[in-house]
Amino acid sequence: MGSWQYDETDFERLSLIMMLHDLDFTVEEIKKYMKLSLEKNERECLKLLNKKEKES
């Protein structure tokens, strides 16, 4: 069985997911944020972060 190869981008994504989890994002919110992030939709990403901040 082969080994997995990870690059810097993989670690950056994992770090972002962990940060969002620590900010109490739900799994669905994390999925939405990651999709927007991959689409380079920074404005919508900021909206999600601001919304979460207001909820806490």
C-alpha atoms as a PDB file:
ATOM      1  CA  MET A   1       0.000   0.000   0.000  1.00  0.00           C
ATOM      2  CA  GLY A   2       1.390   3.434  -0.962  1.00  0.00           C
ATOM      3  CA  SER A   3       2.005   6.331   1.347  1.00  0.00           C
ATOM      4  CA  TRP A   4       0.153   9.642   1.278  1.00  0.00           C
ATOM      5  CA  GLN A   5       1.935  12.707   0.008  1.00  0.00           C
ATOM      6  CA  TYR A   6       0.933  16.062   1.471  1.00  0.00           C
ATOM      7  CA  ASP A   7       2.060  19.469   0.314  1.00  0.00           C
ATOM      8  CA  GLU A   8       2.065  22.878   1.981  1.00  0.00           C
ATOM      9  CA  THR A   9      -1.411  23.673   0.617  1.00  0.00           C
ATOM     10  CA  ASP A  10      -2.846  20.600   2.335  1.00  0.00           C
ATOM     11  CA  PHE A  11      -1.404  21.721   5.664  1.00  0.00           C
ATOM     12  CA  GLU A  12      -2.716  25.262   5.149  1.00  0.00           C
ATOM     13  CA  ARG A  13      -6.219  23.921   4.489  1.00  0.00           C
ATOM     14  CA  LEU A  14      -6.076  21.677   7.535  1.00  0.00           C
ATOM     15  CA  SER A  15      -4.902  24.592   9.662  1.00  0.00           C
ATOM     16  CA  LEU A  16      -7.798  26.726   8.397  1.00  0.00           C
ATOM     17  CA  ILE A  17     -10.312  23.953   9.121  1.00  0.00           C
ATOM     18  CA  MET A  18      -8.947  23.586  12.648  1.00  0.00           C
ATOM     19  CA  MET A  19      -9.151  27.352  13.210  1.00  0.00           C
ATOM     20  CA  LEU A  20     -12.768  27.455  12.008  1.00  0.00           C
ATOM     21  CA  HIS A  21     -13.602  24.523  14.277  1.00  0.00           C
ATOM     22  CA  ASP A  22     -12.027  26.363  17.217  1.00  0.00           C
ATOM     23  CA  LEU A  23     -14.257  29.343  16.364  1.00  0.00           C
ATOM     24  CA  ASP A  24     -17.287  27.032  16.784  1.00  0.00           C
ATOM     25  CA  PHE A  25     -18.129  26.797  13.095  1.00  0.00           C
ATOM     26  CA  THR A  26     -20.380  23.842  12.352  1.00  0.00           C
ATOM     27  CA  VAL A  27     -19.306  21.232   9.814  1.00  0.00           C
ATOM     28  CA  GLU A  28     -21.718  22.751   7.290  1.00  0.00           C
ATOM     29  CA  GLU A  29     -20.342  26.253   7.913  1.00  0.00           C
ATOM     30  CA  ILE A  30     -16.795  24.956   7.476  1.00  0.00           C
ATOM     31  CA  LYS A  31     -17.752  23.289   4.200  1.00  0.00           C
ATOM     32  CA  LYS A  32     -19.330  26.520   2.976  1.00  0.00           C
ATOM     33  CA  TYR A  33     -16.320  28.583   4.044  1.00  0.00           C
ATOM     34  CA  MET A  34     -13.860  26.191   2.394  1.00  0.00           C
ATOM     35  CA  LYS A  35     -15.866  26.199  -0.848  1.00  0.00           C
ATOM     36  CA  LEU A  36     -15.885  29.999  -0.877  1.00  0.00           C
ATOM     37  CA  SER A  37     -12.199  30.069  -0.037  1.00  0.00           C
ATOM     38  CA  LEU A  38     -11.317  27.739  -2.912  1.00  0.00           C
ATOM     39  CA  GLU A  39     -13.384  29.980  -5.204  1.00  0.00           C
ATOM     40  CA  LYS A  40     -11.356  32.957  -3.883  1.00  0.00           C
ATOM     41  CA  ASN A  41     -14.589  34.619  -2.725  1.00  0.00           C
ATOM     42  CA  GLU A  42     -12.977  36.634   0.067  1.00  0.00           C
ATOM     43  CA  ARG A  43     -15.950  38.947   0.572  1.00  0.00           C
ATOM     44  CA  GLU A  44     -18.297  36.054   1.390  1.00  0.00           C
ATOM     45  CA  CYS A  45     -15.651  34.455   3.616  1.00  0.00           C
ATOM     46  CA  LEU A  46     -15.439  37.687   5.603  1.00  0.00           C
ATOM     47  CA  LYS A  47     -19.216  37.804   5.873  1.00  0.00           C
ATOM     48  CA  LEU A  48     -19.229  34.329   7.396  1.00  0.00           C
ATOM     49  CA  LEU A  49     -16.498  35.277   9.862  1.00  0.00           C
ATOM     50  CA  ASN A  50     -18.339  38.460  10.846  1.00  0.00           C
ATOM     51  CA  LYS A  51     -21.597  36.570  11.267  1.00  0.00           C
ATOM     52  CA  LYS A  52     -19.933  34.032  13.533  1.00  0.00           C
ATOM     53  CA  GLU A  53     -18.329  36.805  15.570  1.00  0.00           C
ATOM     54  CA  LYS A  54     -21.733  38.441  16.133  1.00  0.00           C
ATOM     55  CA  GLU A  55     -23.203  35.116  17.256  1.00  0.00           C
ATOM     56  CA  SER A  56     -20.649  34.698  20.027  1.00  0.00           C
END
